[in-house]
Amino acid sequence: MAEREIVVRLYKQLLRESSKFTNYNFRSYAIRRVQDAFREHKGCKDSEKLQQLIEEAKNNLSMLKRQVAISAMYETTKLVVEKNNTTSHPF
């Protein structure tokens, strides 16, 4: 498989896994961190460096999966910014 396809697939997997966090702050941080890391190395052309980054992304993906599982065990109440405001405003 071409390196570009591998990178795009890993990027999508990391974002998908990051969005599974139940905690808003963890979810936002993980998504932002994935986007920033990929943006930082967007212009990388060195094949050896690219392979190293791909391995790092795979390790981060497995770490994210573990953290999401742990996060699901200790679910917290939703924050105000997460709740759907279905009630009318009192003012």
C-alpha atoms as a PDB file:
ATOM      1  CA  MET A   1       0.000   0.000   0.000  1.00  0.00           C
ATOM      2  CA  ALA A   2       1.293   3.482  -0.796  1.00  0.00           C
ATOM      3  CA  GLU A   3       2.581   5.546   2.104  1.00  0.00           C
ATOM      4  CA  ARG A   4      -0.005   8.245   1.464  1.00  0.00           C
ATOM      5  CA  GLU A   5      -2.862   5.750   1.778  1.00  0.00           C
ATOM      6  CA  ILE A   6      -1.383   4.401   5.004  1.00  0.00           C
ATOM      7  CA  VAL A   7      -1.053   7.905   6.439  1.00  0.00           C
ATOM      8  CA  VAL A   8      -4.609   8.893   5.473  1.00  0.00           C
ATOM      9  CA  ARG A   9      -6.000   5.655   6.920  1.00  0.00           C
ATOM     10  CA  LEU A  10      -4.089   6.164  10.189  1.00  0.00           C
ATOM     11  CA  TYR A  11      -5.260   9.786  10.378  1.00  0.00           C
ATOM     12  CA  LYS A  12      -8.905   8.766  10.012  1.00  0.00           C
ATOM     13  CA  GLN A  13      -8.520   5.930  12.524  1.00  0.00           C
ATOM     14  CA  LEU A  14      -6.893   8.243  15.069  1.00  0.00           C
ATOM     15  CA  LEU A  15      -9.633  10.856  14.671  1.00  0.00           C
ATOM     16  CA  ARG A  16     -12.369   8.229  14.884  1.00  0.00           C
ATOM     17  CA  GLU A  17     -10.856   6.721  18.028  1.00  0.00           C
ATOM     18  CA  SER A  18     -10.310  10.172  19.579  1.00  0.00           C
ATOM     19  CA  SER A  19     -13.974  11.028  19.099  1.00  0.00           C
ATOM     20  CA  LYS A  20     -14.972   8.037  21.248  1.00  0.00           C
ATOM     21  CA  PHE A  21     -13.832   9.651  24.511  1.00  0.00           C
ATOM     22  CA  THR A  22     -16.815  10.236  26.770  1.00  0.00           C
ATOM     23  CA  ASN A  23     -15.178  13.220  28.468  1.00  0.00           C
ATOM     24  CA  TYR A  24     -15.448  16.423  26.428  1.00  0.00           C
ATOM     25  CA  ASN A  25     -12.024  17.737  27.445  1.00  0.00           C
ATOM     26  CA  PHE A  26     -10.200  14.475  26.676  1.00  0.00           C
ATOM     27  CA  ARG A  27     -12.037  14.177  23.372  1.00  0.00           C
ATOM     28  CA  SER A  28     -11.231  17.739  22.314  1.00  0.00           C
ATOM     29  CA  TYR A  29      -7.590  17.398  23.344  1.00  0.00           C
ATOM     30  CA  ALA A  30      -7.098  14.086  21.539  1.00  0.00           C
ATOM     31  CA  ILE A  31      -8.665  15.342  18.308  1.00  0.00           C
ATOM     32  CA  ARG A  32      -6.664  18.569  18.429  1.00  0.00           C
ATOM     33  CA  ARG A  33      -3.430  16.673  19.174  1.00  0.00           C
ATOM     34  CA  VAL A  34      -3.946  14.315  16.215  1.00  0.00           C
ATOM     35  CA  GLN A  35      -4.685  17.194  13.856  1.00  0.00           C
ATOM     36  CA  ASP A  36      -1.692  19.211  15.069  1.00  0.00           C
ATOM     37  CA  ALA A  37       0.724  16.276  14.806  1.00  0.00           C
ATOM     38  CA  PHE A  38      -0.306  15.458  11.248  1.00  0.00           C
ATOM     39  CA  ARG A  39      -0.267  19.121  10.243  1.00  0.00           C
ATOM     40  CA  GLU A  40       3.235  19.498  11.706  1.00  0.00           C
ATOM     41  CA  HIS A  41       4.621  16.690   9.515  1.00  0.00           C
ATOM     42  CA  LYS A  42       2.509  17.351   6.437  1.00  0.00           C
ATOM     43  CA  GLY A  43       5.437  18.174   4.152  1.00  0.00           C
ATOM     44  CA  CYS A  44       7.660  15.262   5.209  1.00  0.00           C
ATOM     45  CA  LYS A  45       9.259  13.655   2.133  1.00  0.00           C
ATOM     46  CA  ASP A  46      11.982  11.554   3.801  1.00  0.00           C
ATOM     47  CA  SER A  47      10.919   7.914   3.502  1.00  0.00           C
ATOM     48  CA  GLU A  48      12.815   6.812   6.614  1.00  0.00           C
ATOM     49  CA  LYS A  49      11.349   9.618   8.725  1.00  0.00           C
ATOM     50  CA  LEU A  50       7.905   8.845   7.299  1.00  0.00           C
ATOM     51  CA  GLN A  51       8.182   5.198   8.358  1.00  0.00           C
ATOM     52  CA  GLN A  52       9.176   6.327  11.846  1.00  0.00           C
ATOM     53  CA  LEU A  53       6.163   8.653  12.014  1.00  0.00           C
ATOM     54  CA  ILE A  54       3.848   5.875  10.796  1.00  0.00           C
ATOM     55  CA  GLU A  55       5.112   3.566  13.558  1.00  0.00           C
ATOM     56  CA  GLU A  56       4.604   6.334  16.100  1.00  0.00           C
ATOM     57  CA  ALA A  57       1.044   6.877  14.836  1.00  0.00           C
ATOM     58  CA  LYS A  58       0.310   3.142  15.129  1.00  0.00           C
ATOM     59  CA  ASN A  59       1.589   3.159  18.717  1.00  0.00           C
ATOM     60  CA  ASN A  60      -0.533   6.221  19.464  1.00  0.00           C
ATOM     61  CA  LEU A  61      -3.585   4.511  17.981  1.00  0.00           C
ATOM     62  CA  SER A  62      -3.199   1.505  20.265  1.00  0.00           C
ATOM     63  CA  MET A  63      -2.645   3.836  23.232  1.00  0.00           C
ATOM     64  CA  LEU A  64      -5.788   5.796  22.321  1.00  0.00           C
ATOM     65  CA  LYS A  65      -7.830   2.587  22.175  1.00  0.00           C
ATOM     66  CA  ARG A  66      -6.687   1.688  25.693  1.00  0.00           C
ATOM     67  CA  GLN A  67      -7.387   5.178  27.008  1.00  0.00           C
ATOM     68  CA  VAL A  68     -10.872   5.242  25.470  1.00  0.00           C
ATOM     69  CA  ALA A  69     -11.662   1.907  27.138  1.00  0.00           C
ATOM     70  CA  ILE A  70     -10.452   3.217  30.500  1.00  0.00           C
ATOM     71  CA  SER A  71     -12.373   6.458  30.003  1.00  0.00           C
ATOM     72  CA  ALA A  72     -15.573   4.505  29.339  1.00  0.00           C
ATOM     73  CA  MET A  73     -15.212   2.720  32.689  1.00  0.00           C
ATOM     74  CA  TYR A  74     -15.171   6.023  34.586  1.00  0.00           C
ATOM     75  CA  GLU A  75     -17.821   7.995  32.773  1.00  0.00           C
ATOM     76  CA  THR A  76     -18.616  11.443  34.157  1.00  0.00           C
ATOM     77  CA  THR A  77     -21.605  13.710  33.779  1.00  0.00           C
ATOM     78  CA  LYS A  78     -21.747  15.809  30.640  1.00  0.00           C
ATOM     79  CA  LEU A  79     -20.602  19.403  30.723  1.00  0.00           C
ATOM     80  CA  VAL A  80     -22.892  22.308  29.971  1.00  0.00           C
ATOM     81  CA  VAL A  81     -21.286  22.773  26.543  1.00  0.00           C
ATOM     82  CA  GLU A  82     -22.202  19.184  25.626  1.00  0.00           C
ATOM     83  CA  LYS A  83     -25.837  19.157  26.664  1.00  0.00           C
ATOM     84  CA  ASN A  84     -28.565  19.797  24.141  1.00  0.00           C
ATOM     85  CA  ASN A  85     -30.576  22.758  25.315  1.00  0.00           C
ATOM     86  CA  THR A  86     -34.132  21.496  24.748  1.00  0.00           C
ATOM     87  CA  THR A  87     -35.782  23.601  27.451  1.00  0.00           C
ATOM     88  CA  SER A  88     -36.818  27.163  26.760  1.00  0.00           C
ATOM     89  CA  HIS A  89     -34.657  29.906  28.168  1.00  0.00           C
ATOM     90  CA  PRO A  90     -36.155  31.373  31.395  1.00  0.00           C
ATOM     91  CA  PHE A  91     -35.405  34.973  30.398  1.00  0.00           C
END
